[in-house]
Amino acid sequence: MTPVHFEAAYGAMWNELAAQLAEARAGRAVDAALLATRYRRVCENLALAQSRAYPMHLVARLETLAQDAHQLIYRRQDYGLRAAGRLLRTELPRAVRAEGRHVLMALLLFALPLALAFGLSLAGPDFALRLQEAHQLRNYEQMYGDGKAHFGRLRDAASDWQMFGFYIFNNIGLGFRCFGAGILAGVGSAFVLLYNGLMIGATAGHLTRVGLGHNFWPFVATHSAFELTGIVLAGAAGLRVGLGWLMPGRLSRLQALRDAARAAVPLVYAAFFLLLVAAAVEAFWSSAAWVVPWVKYSVAAACWALVLVWLLLMGRGGQRAG
């Protein structure tokens, strides 16, 4: 078979493969089985053209087709890491900023009761005792007492790994309550945020008042950057869903609820990611009594800066207007 006859016999298939590769590079779906079949045929044609010493332009065309198809079919598998990286770097921060009004609302519902409860518990024991039982406060005092190798550890937890599992369960459960309660017209999420702000503030104020702040604050400083932010974002997602249902505007309530849930999903992803990081930091870093406080405070400052940069600045490059 002459080169001219060879190209006439298979050229149409080569063109179809080139068109299919262009479609795939443009991000459009292609028939993977057909692509693989054409790739194998091109490899056979290439081997035949090389063995028969066909003209260089013909061999080069087949080599290019084979290489392009090979890269597409056998491209390095990253197990979703590339997509996850793009989600964390750009999509989640953009989504959080897009829902800034609900995030701010959740922040106020959480931070103001926390600050109030902290101040009242710091002033005297009455307020903390109205929110929590005396034995609960004594348990906290034991968890952050002097002379411990690990702060914040439950008495029946033998290792950091057990505490890691406990923190995951606790953090994800809290995040789920903050979000899931939003279906009650947003009131549920508002209540969960307010309640947890009061409880956290009362505990912090009580421990500081009884002289255990030198153990408590180094413990919470680092992981609080992730945990408190995650709680706020989970609450914001719940508020988004609840208020979308409560105030549908010109949409039907069902359509408004669907749109609100779609907008809230990235907030939930961001919240649960932060809560998982918080669980790891709390179990393996925050609890370590051998780390001197100034080191923990330095790391905490870096973590708070990292969270703020992530939420406020990441993903701004190339962001479309509107």
C-alpha atoms as a PDB file:
ATOM      1  CA  MET A   1       0.000   0.000   0.000  1.00  0.00           C
ATOM      2  CA  THR A   2       1.414   3.360  -1.011  1.00  0.00           C
ATOM      3  CA  PRO A   3       1.426   6.298   1.450  1.00  0.00           C
ATOM      4  CA  VAL A   4      -1.324   7.972  -0.582  1.00  0.00           C
ATOM      5  CA  HIS A   5      -3.556   4.902  -0.424  1.00  0.00           C
ATOM      6  CA  PHE A   6      -2.697   4.448   3.261  1.00  0.00           C
ATOM      7  CA  GLU A   7      -3.754   7.988   4.114  1.00  0.00           C
ATOM      8  CA  ALA A   8      -6.885   7.697   1.991  1.00  0.00           C
ATOM      9  CA  ALA A   9      -7.890   4.519   3.809  1.00  0.00           C
ATOM     10  CA  TYR A  10      -7.391   5.774   7.371  1.00  0.00           C
ATOM     11  CA  GLY A  11      -7.336   9.569   7.126  1.00  0.00           C
ATOM     12  CA  ALA A  12     -11.017   9.976   7.964  1.00  0.00           C
ATOM     13  CA  MET A  13     -10.550   8.049  11.187  1.00  0.00           C
ATOM     14  CA  TRP A  14      -7.518  10.178  12.087  1.00  0.00           C
ATOM     15  CA  ASN A  15      -9.568  13.328  11.557  1.00  0.00           C
ATOM     16  CA  GLU A  16     -12.362  11.950  13.722  1.00  0.00           C
ATOM     17  CA  LEU A  17      -9.860  11.178  16.494  1.00  0.00           C
ATOM     18  CA  ALA A  18      -8.374  14.683  16.236  1.00  0.00           C
ATOM     19  CA  ALA A  19     -11.857  16.192  16.501  1.00  0.00           C
ATOM     20  CA  GLN A  20     -12.669  14.001  19.488  1.00  0.00           C
ATOM     21  CA  LEU A  21      -9.448  15.075  21.238  1.00  0.00           C
ATOM     22  CA  ALA A  22     -10.314  18.724  20.622  1.00  0.00           C
ATOM     23  CA  GLU A  23     -13.740  18.150  22.173  1.00  0.00           C
ATOM     24  CA  ALA A  24     -12.165  16.550  25.234  1.00  0.00           C
ATOM     25  CA  ARG A  25      -9.633  19.370  25.664  1.00  0.00           C
ATOM     26  CA  ALA A  26     -12.515  21.853  25.534  1.00  0.00           C
ATOM     27  CA  GLY A  27     -14.056  20.089  28.528  1.00  0.00           C
ATOM     28  CA  ARG A  28     -16.925  18.457  26.669  1.00  0.00           C
ATOM     29  CA  ALA A  29     -17.896  14.835  27.213  1.00  0.00           C
ATOM     30  CA  VAL A  30     -16.676  12.275  24.665  1.00  0.00           C
ATOM     31  CA  ASP A  31     -17.274   8.579  24.055  1.00  0.00           C
ATOM     32  CA  ALA A  32     -14.404   7.042  26.035  1.00  0.00           C
ATOM     33  CA  ALA A  33     -14.757   3.598  24.452  1.00  0.00           C
ATOM     34  CA  LEU A  34     -14.668   5.032  20.927  1.00  0.00           C
ATOM     35  CA  LEU A  35     -11.703   7.201  21.841  1.00  0.00           C
ATOM     36  CA  ALA A  36      -9.778   4.171  23.127  1.00  0.00           C
ATOM     37  CA  THR A  37     -10.607   2.179  19.979  1.00  0.00           C
ATOM     38  CA  ARG A  38      -9.393   4.952  17.703  1.00  0.00           C
ATOM     39  CA  TYR A  39      -6.262   5.364  19.803  1.00  0.00           C
ATOM     40  CA  ARG A  40      -5.384   1.686  19.354  1.00  0.00           C
ATOM     41  CA  ARG A  41      -5.984   1.915  15.591  1.00  0.00           C
ATOM     42  CA  VAL A  42      -3.745   4.976  15.335  1.00  0.00           C
ATOM     43  CA  CYS A  43      -0.998   3.142  17.246  1.00  0.00           C
ATOM     44  CA  GLU A  44      -1.268   0.275  14.755  1.00  0.00           C
ATOM     45  CA  ASN A  45      -1.156   2.726  11.844  1.00  0.00           C
ATOM     46  CA  LEU A  46       1.887   4.434  13.353  1.00  0.00           C
ATOM     47  CA  ALA A  47       3.770   1.171  13.751  1.00  0.00           C
ATOM     48  CA  LEU A  48       2.928   0.247  10.158  1.00  0.00           C
ATOM     49  CA  ALA A  49       3.967   3.644   8.791  1.00  0.00           C
ATOM     50  CA  GLN A  50       7.297   3.487  10.630  1.00  0.00           C
ATOM     51  CA  SER A  51       8.025  -0.078   9.474  1.00  0.00           C
ATOM     52  CA  ARG A  52       7.322   0.891   5.832  1.00  0.00           C
ATOM     53  CA  ALA A  53       9.342   4.123   6.055  1.00  0.00           C
ATOM     54  CA  TYR A  54       6.420   6.301   4.967  1.00  0.00           C
ATOM     55  CA  PRO A  55       7.081  10.069   4.587  1.00  0.00           C
ATOM     56  CA  MET A  56       8.038  11.963   7.734  1.00  0.00           C
ATOM     57  CA  HIS A  57       5.004  14.268   7.655  1.00  0.00           C
ATOM     58  CA  LEU A  58       2.710  11.243   7.762  1.00  0.00           C
ATOM     59  CA  VAL A  59       4.630   9.593  10.611  1.00  0.00           C
ATOM     60  CA  ALA A  60       4.765  12.885  12.533  1.00  0.00           C
ATOM     61  CA  ARG A  61       1.008  13.330  12.212  1.00  0.00           C
ATOM     62  CA  LEU A  62       0.370   9.851  13.587  1.00  0.00           C
ATOM     63  CA  GLU A  63       2.886  10.351  16.411  1.00  0.00           C
ATOM     64  CA  THR A  64       1.168  13.571  17.439  1.00  0.00           C
ATOM     65  CA  LEU A  65      -2.260  11.923  17.410  1.00  0.00           C
ATOM     66  CA  ALA A  66      -1.004   8.937  19.389  1.00  0.00           C
ATOM     67  CA  GLN A  67       0.748  11.106  21.978  1.00  0.00           C
ATOM     68  CA  ASP A  68      -2.248  13.394  22.469  1.00  0.00           C
ATOM     69  CA  ALA A  69      -4.624  10.459  22.864  1.00  0.00           C
ATOM     70  CA  HIS A  70      -2.229   8.687  25.223  1.00  0.00           C
ATOM     71  CA  GLN A  71      -1.970  11.741  27.469  1.00  0.00           C
ATOM     72  CA  LEU A  72      -5.741  12.052  27.598  1.00  0.00           C
ATOM     73  CA  ILE A  73      -6.453   8.378  28.257  1.00  0.00           C
ATOM     74  CA  TYR A  74      -3.559   7.603  30.590  1.00  0.00           C
ATOM     75  CA  ARG A  75      -3.193  10.966  32.253  1.00  0.00           C
ATOM     76  CA  ARG A  76      -1.984  10.844  35.829  1.00  0.00           C
ATOM     77  CA  GLN A  77      -4.749  10.031  38.256  1.00  0.00           C
ATOM     78  CA  ASP A  78      -4.805  12.428  41.211  1.00  0.00           C
ATOM     79  CA  TYR A  79      -7.725  10.717  43.012  1.00  0.00           C
ATOM     80  CA  GLY A  80      -9.687  13.950  43.002  1.00  0.00           C
ATOM     81  CA  LEU A  81      -6.943  15.944  44.706  1.00  0.00           C
ATOM     82  CA  ARG A  82      -6.807  18.513  41.922  1.00  0.00           C
ATOM     83  CA  ALA A  83     -10.547  19.125  42.085  1.00  0.00           C
ATOM     84  CA  ALA A  84     -10.418  19.201  45.901  1.00  0.00           C
ATOM     85  CA  GLY A  85      -7.577  21.708  45.769  1.00  0.00           C
ATOM     86  CA  ARG A  86      -9.529  23.943  43.401  1.00  0.00           C
ATOM     87  CA  LEU A  87     -12.566  23.661  45.669  1.00  0.00           C
ATOM     88  CA  LEU A  88     -10.578  24.718  48.726  1.00  0.00           C
ATOM     89  CA  ARG A  89      -8.518  27.415  47.018  1.00  0.00           C
ATOM     90  CA  THR A  90     -11.202  29.225  45.060  1.00  0.00           C
ATOM     91  CA  GLU A  91     -14.756  27.918  45.124  1.00  0.00           C
ATOM     92  CA  LEU A  92     -15.363  27.728  48.875  1.00  0.00           C
ATOM     93  CA  PRO A  93     -13.882  31.152  49.746  1.00  0.00           C
ATOM     94  CA  ARG A  94     -15.887  32.724  46.924  1.00  0.00           C
ATOM     95  CA  ALA A  95     -19.060  31.073  48.155  1.00  0.00           C
ATOM     96  CA  VAL A  96     -18.468  32.298  51.704  1.00  0.00           C
ATOM     97  CA  ARG A  97     -17.953  35.868  50.496  1.00  0.00           C
ATOM     98  CA  ALA A  98     -21.046  35.628  48.296  1.00  0.00           C
ATOM     99  CA  GLU A  99     -23.083  34.825  51.424  1.00  0.00           C
ATOM    100  CA  GLY A 100     -21.397  37.531  53.496  1.00  0.00           C
ATOM    101  CA  ARG A 101     -24.700  38.864  54.845  1.00  0.00           C
ATOM    102  CA  HIS A 102     -25.669  35.519  56.340  1.00  0.00           C
ATOM    103  CA  VAL A 103     -22.141  34.899  57.623  1.00  0.00           C
ATOM    104  CA  LEU A 104     -22.156  38.253  59.400  1.00  0.00           C
ATOM    105  CA  MET A 105     -25.573  37.494  60.868  1.00  0.00           C
ATOM    106  CA  ALA A 106     -24.338  34.142  62.171  1.00  0.00           C
ATOM    107  CA  LEU A 107     -21.191  35.742  63.555  1.00  0.00           C
ATOM    108  CA  LEU A 108     -23.187  38.268  65.554  1.00  0.00           C
ATOM    109  CA  LEU A 109     -25.581  35.611  66.862  1.00  0.00           C
ATOM    110  CA  PHE A 110     -22.618  33.584  68.075  1.00  0.00           C
ATOM    111  CA  ALA A 111     -20.014  36.160  69.124  1.00  0.00           C
ATOM    112  CA  LEU A 112     -22.199  38.628  71.033  1.00  0.00           C
ATOM    113  CA  PRO A 113     -23.664  36.027  73.451  1.00  0.00           C
ATOM    114  CA  LEU A 114     -20.177  34.552  73.843  1.00  0.00           C
ATOM    115  CA  ALA A 115     -18.691  37.904  74.819  1.00  0.00           C
ATOM    116  CA  LEU A 116     -21.607  38.688  77.154  1.00  0.00           C
ATOM    117  CA  ALA A 117     -21.443  35.283  78.864  1.00  0.00           C
ATOM    118  CA  PHE A 118     -17.686  35.555  79.246  1.00  0.00           C
ATOM    119  CA  GLY A 119     -17.943  38.952  80.932  1.00  0.00           C
ATOM    120  CA  LEU A 120     -20.731  37.909  83.288  1.00  0.00           C
ATOM    121  CA  SER A 121     -19.005  34.621  84.241  1.00  0.00           C
ATOM    122  CA  LEU A 122     -15.739  36.433  84.812  1.00  0.00           C
ATOM    123  CA  ALA A 123     -17.460  38.812  87.225  1.00  0.00           C
ATOM    124  CA  GLY A 124     -18.825  36.074  89.490  1.00  0.00           C
ATOM    125  CA  PRO A 125     -19.961  32.438  89.715  1.00  0.00           C
ATOM    126  CA  ASP A 126     -23.702  33.006  89.514  1.00  0.00           C
ATOM    127  CA  PHE A 127     -24.110  33.307  85.748  1.00  0.00           C
ATOM    128  CA  ALA A 128     -22.087  30.198  84.877  1.00  0.00           C
ATOM    129  CA  LEU A 129     -24.008  28.175  87.458  1.00  0.00           C
ATOM    130  CA  ARG A 130     -27.301  29.242  85.906  1.00  0.00           C
ATOM    131  CA  LEU A 131     -26.213  27.832  82.545  1.00  0.00           C
ATOM    132  CA  GLN A 132     -24.371  24.703  83.685  1.00  0.00           C
ATOM    133  CA  GLU A 133     -24.511  22.265  86.528  1.00  0.00           C
ATOM    134  CA  ALA A 134     -21.876  22.547  89.266  1.00  0.00           C
ATOM    135  CA  HIS A 135     -20.474  19.107  88.436  1.00  0.00           C
ATOM    136  CA  GLN A 136     -19.982  20.163  84.785  1.00  0.00           C
ATOM    137  CA  LEU A 137     -17.914  23.139  85.868  1.00  0.00           C
ATOM    138  CA  ARG A 138     -15.889  20.920  88.219  1.00  0.00           C
ATOM    139  CA  ASN A 139     -15.188  18.558  85.316  1.00  0.00           C
ATOM    140  CA  TYR A 140     -13.861  21.480  83.283  1.00  0.00           C
ATOM    141  CA  GLU A 141     -11.664  22.528  86.189  1.00  0.00           C
ATOM    142  CA  GLN A 142     -10.218  18.998  86.345  1.00  0.00           C
ATOM    143  CA  MET A 143      -9.617  18.943  82.580  1.00  0.00           C
ATOM    144  CA  TYR A 144      -7.583  22.157  82.754  1.00  0.00           C
ATOM    145  CA  GLY A 145      -5.995  21.681  86.149  1.00  0.00           C
ATOM    146  CA  ASP A 146      -2.266  22.062  86.763  1.00  0.00           C
ATOM    147  CA  GLY A 147       0.131  19.133  86.574  1.00  0.00           C
ATOM    148  CA  LYS A 148      -1.549  17.382  83.635  1.00  0.00           C
ATOM    149  CA  ALA A 149       0.317  15.931  80.658  1.00  0.00           C
ATOM    150  CA  HIS A 150      -2.669  16.616  78.369  1.00  0.00           C
ATOM    151  CA  PHE A 151      -5.204  19.387  78.796  1.00  0.00           C
ATOM    152  CA  GLY A 152      -8.818  18.990  77.823  1.00  0.00           C
ATOM    153  CA  ARG A 153      -8.684  15.185  77.792  1.00  0.00           C
ATOM    154  CA  LEU A 154     -11.582  13.126  79.072  1.00  0.00           C
ATOM    155  CA  ARG A 155     -10.731  10.897  82.002  1.00  0.00           C
ATOM    156  CA  ASP A 156     -11.631   7.719  80.102  1.00  0.00           C
ATOM    157  CA  ALA A 157      -9.628   8.637  76.970  1.00  0.00           C
ATOM    158  CA  ALA A 158      -6.274   6.877  76.895  1.00  0.00           C
ATOM    159  CA  SER A 159      -4.745   8.454  73.790  1.00  0.00           C
ATOM    160  CA  ASP A 160      -4.818  11.435  71.467  1.00  0.00           C
ATOM    161  CA  TRP A 161      -6.380   9.218  68.792  1.00  0.00           C
ATOM    162  CA  GLN A 162      -9.359   8.500  71.021  1.00  0.00           C
ATOM    163  CA  MET A 163      -9.747  12.198  71.660  1.00  0.00           C
ATOM    164  CA  PHE A 164      -9.445  12.853  67.923  1.00  0.00           C
ATOM    165  CA  GLY A 165     -12.416  10.578  67.324  1.00  0.00           C
ATOM    166  CA  PHE A 166     -14.345  12.263  70.122  1.00  0.00           C
ATOM    167  CA  TYR A 167     -13.613  15.738  68.750  1.00  0.00           C
ATOM    168  CA  ILE A 168     -14.675  14.722  65.233  1.00  0.00           C
ATOM    169  CA  PHE A 169     -17.951  13.364  66.571  1.00  0.00           C
ATOM    170  CA  ASN A 170     -18.498  16.435  68.743  1.00  0.00           C
ATOM    171  CA  ASN A 171     -17.518  19.026  66.112  1.00  0.00           C
ATOM    172  CA  ILE A 172     -19.406  17.454  63.218  1.00  0.00           C
ATOM    173  CA  GLY A 173     -22.430  16.960  65.451  1.00  0.00           C
ATOM    174  CA  LEU A 174     -22.372  20.618  66.428  1.00  0.00           C
ATOM    175  CA  GLY A 175     -21.941  21.714  62.828  1.00  0.00           C
ATOM    176  CA  PHE A 176     -24.825  19.502  61.726  1.00  0.00           C
ATOM    177  CA  ARG A 177     -27.088  20.951  64.425  1.00  0.00           C
ATOM    178  CA  CYS A 178     -26.181  24.497  63.409  1.00  0.00           C
ATOM    179  CA  PHE A 179     -27.016  23.752  59.792  1.00  0.00           C
ATOM    180  CA  GLY A 180     -29.882  21.299  60.109  1.00  0.00           C
ATOM    181  CA  ALA A 181     -31.826  23.452  62.539  1.00  0.00           C
ATOM    182  CA  GLY A 182     -32.045  26.129  59.844  1.00  0.00           C
ATOM    183  CA  ILE A 183     -34.980  24.350  58.242  1.00  0.00           C
ATOM    184  CA  LEU A 184     -37.100  25.803  61.076  1.00  0.00           C
ATOM    185  CA  ALA A 185     -37.275  29.153  59.265  1.00  0.00           C
ATOM    186  CA  GLY A 186     -33.738  29.926  60.441  1.00  0.00           C
ATOM    187  CA  VAL A 187     -34.840  30.143  64.076  1.00  0.00           C
ATOM    188  CA  GLY A 188     -33.267  26.801  64.905  1.00  0.00           C
ATOM    189  CA  SER A 189     -29.835  27.818  63.621  1.00  0.00           C
ATOM    190  CA  ALA A 190     -30.085  31.152  65.415  1.00  0.00           C
ATOM    191  CA  PHE A 191     -30.893  29.350  68.673  1.00  0.00           C
ATOM    192  CA  VAL A 192     -28.019  26.854  68.296  1.00  0.00           C
ATOM    193  CA  LEU A 193     -25.562  29.672  67.585  1.00  0.00           C
ATOM    194  CA  LEU A 194     -26.794  31.741  70.517  1.00  0.00           C
ATOM    195  CA  TYR A 195     -26.831  28.782  72.910  1.00  0.00           C
ATOM    196  CA  ASN A 196     -23.340  27.604  72.023  1.00  0.00           C
ATOM    197  CA  GLY A 197     -22.006  31.141  72.239  1.00  0.00           C
ATOM    198  CA  LEU A 198     -23.413  31.426  75.763  1.00  0.00           C
ATOM    199  CA  MET A 199     -22.023  28.047  76.843  1.00  0.00           C
ATOM    200  CA  ILE A 200     -18.553  28.619  75.427  1.00  0.00           C
ATOM    201  CA  GLY A 201     -18.370  32.130  76.855  1.00  0.00           C
ATOM    202  CA  ALA A 202     -19.566  30.993  80.285  1.00  0.00           C
ATOM    203  CA  THR A 203     -17.031  28.153  80.404  1.00  0.00           C
ATOM    204  CA  ALA A 204     -14.175  30.407  79.330  1.00  0.00           C
ATOM    205  CA  GLY A 205     -15.137  33.079  81.847  1.00  0.00           C
ATOM    206  CA  HIS A 206     -15.490  30.582  84.678  1.00  0.00           C
ATOM    207  CA  LEU A 207     -12.123  28.920  84.061  1.00  0.00           C
ATOM    208  CA  THR A 208     -10.431  32.299  83.807  1.00  0.00           C
ATOM    209  CA  ARG A 209     -12.079  33.495  87.032  1.00  0.00           C
ATOM    210  CA  VAL A 210     -10.968  30.429  89.033  1.00  0.00           C
ATOM    211  CA  GLY A 211      -7.341  30.861  87.946  1.00  0.00           C
ATOM    212  CA  LEU A 212      -7.057  28.233  85.219  1.00  0.00           C
ATOM    213  CA  GLY A 213      -6.829  30.619  82.293  1.00  0.00           C
ATOM    214  CA  HIS A 214      -3.084  29.941  81.980  1.00  0.00           C
ATOM    215  CA  ASN A 215      -3.975  26.384  80.952  1.00  0.00           C
ATOM    216  CA  PHE A 216      -7.283  27.000  79.174  1.00  0.00           C
ATOM    217  CA  TRP A 217      -6.311  29.815  76.817  1.00  0.00           C
ATOM    218  CA  PRO A 218      -3.190  28.140  75.346  1.00  0.00           C
ATOM    219  CA  PHE A 219      -5.342  25.044  74.821  1.00  0.00           C
ATOM    220  CA  VAL A 220      -8.117  26.765  72.853  1.00  0.00           C
ATOM    221  CA  ALA A 221      -6.076  29.448  71.095  1.00  0.00           C
ATOM    222  CA  THR A 222      -5.008  27.424  68.058  1.00  0.00           C
ATOM    223  CA  HIS A 223      -7.924  25.155  67.207  1.00  0.00           C
ATOM    224  CA  SER A 224     -10.473  27.887  67.932  1.00  0.00           C
ATOM    225  CA  ALA A 225      -9.468  29.552  64.648  1.00  0.00           C
ATOM    226  CA  PHE A 226     -10.918  26.571  62.802  1.00  0.00           C
ATOM    227  CA  GLU A 227     -13.629  25.459  65.226  1.00  0.00           C
ATOM    228  CA  LEU A 228     -15.311  28.801  65.903  1.00  0.00           C
ATOM    229  CA  THR A 229     -15.160  29.759  62.225  1.00  0.00           C
ATOM    230  CA  GLY A 230     -16.640  26.396  61.286  1.00  0.00           C
ATOM    231  CA  ILE A 231     -19.495  26.851  63.744  1.00  0.00           C
ATOM    232  CA  VAL A 232     -20.276  30.291  62.316  1.00  0.00           C
ATOM    233  CA  LEU A 233     -20.239  29.014  58.716  1.00  0.00           C
ATOM    234  CA  ALA A 234     -22.472  26.051  59.580  1.00  0.00           C
ATOM    235  CA  GLY A 235     -24.883  28.453  61.259  1.00  0.00           C
ATOM    236  CA  ALA A 236     -24.752  30.766  58.253  1.00  0.00           C
ATOM    237  CA  ALA A 237     -25.676  27.846  55.992  1.00  0.00           C
ATOM    238  CA  GLY A 238     -28.645  27.071  58.234  1.00  0.00           C
ATOM    239  CA  LEU A 239     -29.754  30.694  58.217  1.00  0.00           C
ATOM    240  CA  ARG A 240     -29.448  30.779  54.424  1.00  0.00           C
ATOM    241  CA  VAL A 241     -31.784  27.814  54.079  1.00  0.00           C
ATOM    242  CA  GLY A 242     -34.241  29.027  56.711  1.00  0.00           C
ATOM    243  CA  LEU A 243     -34.474  32.593  55.482  1.00  0.00           C
ATOM    244  CA  GLY A 244     -34.715  31.428  51.883  1.00  0.00           C
ATOM    245  CA  TRP A 245     -37.830  29.489  52.836  1.00  0.00           C
ATOM    246  CA  LEU A 246     -39.193  32.254  55.064  1.00  0.00           C
ATOM    247  CA  MET A 247     -38.670  35.058  52.541  1.00  0.00           C
ATOM    248  CA  PRO A 248     -38.979  33.529  49.049  1.00  0.00           C
ATOM    249  CA  GLY A 249     -39.529  36.811  47.266  1.00  0.00           C
ATOM    250  CA  ARG A 250     -41.179  36.241  43.890  1.00  0.00           C
ATOM    251  CA  LEU A 251     -40.249  32.563  43.841  1.00  0.00           C
ATOM    252  CA  SER A 252     -42.372  29.750  45.131  1.00  0.00           C
ATOM    253  CA  ARG A 253     -41.303  28.535  48.566  1.00  0.00           C
ATOM    254  CA  LEU A 254     -40.142  25.239  47.130  1.00  0.00           C
ATOM    255  CA  GLN A 255     -38.002  26.907  44.466  1.00  0.00           C
ATOM    256  CA  ALA A 256     -36.644  29.406  47.000  1.00  0.00           C
ATOM    257  CA  LEU A 257     -35.756  26.537  49.325  1.00  0.00           C
ATOM    258  CA  ARG A 258     -33.961  24.726  46.509  1.00  0.00           C
ATOM    259  CA  ASP A 259     -31.982  27.838  45.585  1.00  0.00           C
ATOM    260  CA  ALA A 260     -31.110  28.499  49.226  1.00  0.00           C
ATOM    261  CA  ALA A 261     -29.960  24.918  49.762  1.00  0.00           C
ATOM    262  CA  ARG A 262     -27.786  25.108  46.640  1.00  0.00           C
ATOM    263  CA  ALA A 263     -26.178  28.312  47.906  1.00  0.00           C
ATOM    264  CA  ALA A 264     -25.701  26.845  51.397  1.00  0.00           C
ATOM    265  CA  VAL A 265     -23.911  23.659  50.312  1.00  0.00           C
ATOM    266  CA  PRO A 266     -20.473  25.316  49.837  1.00  0.00           C
ATOM    267  CA  LEU A 267     -20.800  26.881  53.281  1.00  0.00           C
ATOM    268  CA  VAL A 268     -21.444  23.428  54.721  1.00  0.00           C
ATOM    269  CA  TYR A 269     -18.372  22.045  52.929  1.00  0.00           C
ATOM    270  CA  ALA A 270     -16.229  24.881  54.281  1.00  0.00           C
ATOM    271  CA  ALA A 271     -17.610  24.467  57.791  1.00  0.00           C
ATOM    272  CA  PHE A 272     -17.081  20.716  57.946  1.00  0.00           C
ATOM    273  CA  PHE A 273     -13.558  21.059  56.528  1.00  0.00           C
ATOM    274  CA  LEU A 274     -12.694  23.570  59.248  1.00  0.00           C
ATOM    275  CA  LEU A 275     -14.266  21.422  61.957  1.00  0.00           C
ATOM    276  CA  LEU A 276     -12.219  18.388  60.850  1.00  0.00           C
ATOM    277  CA  VAL A 277      -9.020  20.450  60.963  1.00  0.00           C
ATOM    278  CA  ALA A 278     -10.036  21.741  64.386  1.00  0.00           C
ATOM    279  CA  ALA A 279     -10.504  18.178  65.669  1.00  0.00           C
ATOM    280  CA  ALA A 280      -7.007  17.188  64.526  1.00  0.00           C
ATOM    281  CA  VAL A 281      -5.360  20.289  65.979  1.00  0.00           C
ATOM    282  CA  GLU A 282      -7.267  19.967  69.248  1.00  0.00           C
ATOM    283  CA  ALA A 283      -6.333  16.313  69.721  1.00  0.00           C
ATOM    284  CA  PHE A 284      -2.666  16.369  68.741  1.00  0.00           C
ATOM    285  CA  TRP A 285      -1.492  19.944  69.386  1.00  0.00           C
ATOM    286  CA  SER A 286      -3.767  21.904  71.687  1.00  0.00           C
ATOM    287  CA  SER A 287      -3.812  19.231  74.383  1.00  0.00           C
ATOM    288  CA  ALA A 288      -0.016  18.963  74.657  1.00  0.00           C
ATOM    289  CA  ALA A 289       0.968  20.480  78.005  1.00  0.00           C
ATOM    290  CA  TRP A 290       4.688  20.321  77.167  1.00  0.00           C
ATOM    291  CA  VAL A 291       4.346  23.057  74.522  1.00  0.00           C
ATOM    292  CA  VAL A 292       5.012  26.419  76.161  1.00  0.00           C
ATOM    293  CA  PRO A 293       2.177  28.964  75.914  1.00  0.00           C
ATOM    294  CA  TRP A 294       4.033  31.523  73.795  1.00  0.00           C
ATOM    295  CA  VAL A 295       4.594  28.915  71.101  1.00  0.00           C
ATOM    296  CA  LYS A 296       0.906  28.006  71.094  1.00  0.00           C
ATOM    297  CA  TYR A 297      -0.082  31.651  70.908  1.00  0.00           C
ATOM    298  CA  SER A 298       2.299  32.213  67.993  1.00  0.00           C
ATOM    299  CA  VAL A 299       0.899  29.239  66.109  1.00  0.00           C
ATOM    300  CA  ALA A 300      -2.618  30.395  66.969  1.00  0.00           C
ATOM    301  CA  ALA A 301      -1.957  33.827  65.483  1.00  0.00           C
ATOM    302  CA  ALA A 302      -0.692  32.182  62.302  1.00  0.00           C
ATOM    303  CA  CYS A 303      -3.774  29.939  62.132  1.00  0.00           C
ATOM    304  CA  TRP A 304      -6.184  32.832  62.608  1.00  0.00           C
ATOM    305  CA  ALA A 305      -4.361  34.762  59.880  1.00  0.00           C
ATOM    306  CA  LEU A 306      -4.501  31.718  57.611  1.00  0.00           C
ATOM    307  CA  VAL A 307      -8.255  31.317  58.072  1.00  0.00           C
ATOM    308  CA  LEU A 308      -8.889  35.011  57.437  1.00  0.00           C
ATOM    309  CA  VAL A 309      -6.699  35.072  54.337  1.00  0.00           C
ATOM    310  CA  TRP A 310      -8.422  31.941  53.054  1.00  0.00           C
ATOM    311  CA  LEU A 311     -11.915  33.322  53.484  1.00  0.00           C
ATOM    312  CA  LEU A 312     -11.276  36.943  52.532  1.00  0.00           C
ATOM    313  CA  LEU A 313      -8.616  36.784  49.822  1.00  0.00           C
ATOM    314  CA  MET A 314      -8.365  33.332  48.246  1.00  0.00           C
ATOM    315  CA  GLY A 315     -10.044  32.908  44.874  1.00  0.00           C
ATOM    316  CA  ARG A 316     -10.226  36.610  44.066  1.00  0.00           C
ATOM    317  CA  GLY A 317      -7.931  36.354  41.044  1.00  0.00           C
ATOM    318  CA  GLY A 318     -10.025  35.882  37.922  1.00  0.00           C
ATOM    319  CA  GLN A 319     -13.279  36.131  39.840  1.00  0.00           C
ATOM    320  CA  ARG A 320     -16.074  37.190  37.552  1.00  0.00           C
ATOM    321  CA  ALA A 321     -17.914  40.350  38.334  1.00  0.00           C
ATOM    322  CA  GLY A 322     -21.404  40.004  39.699  1.00  0.00           C
END
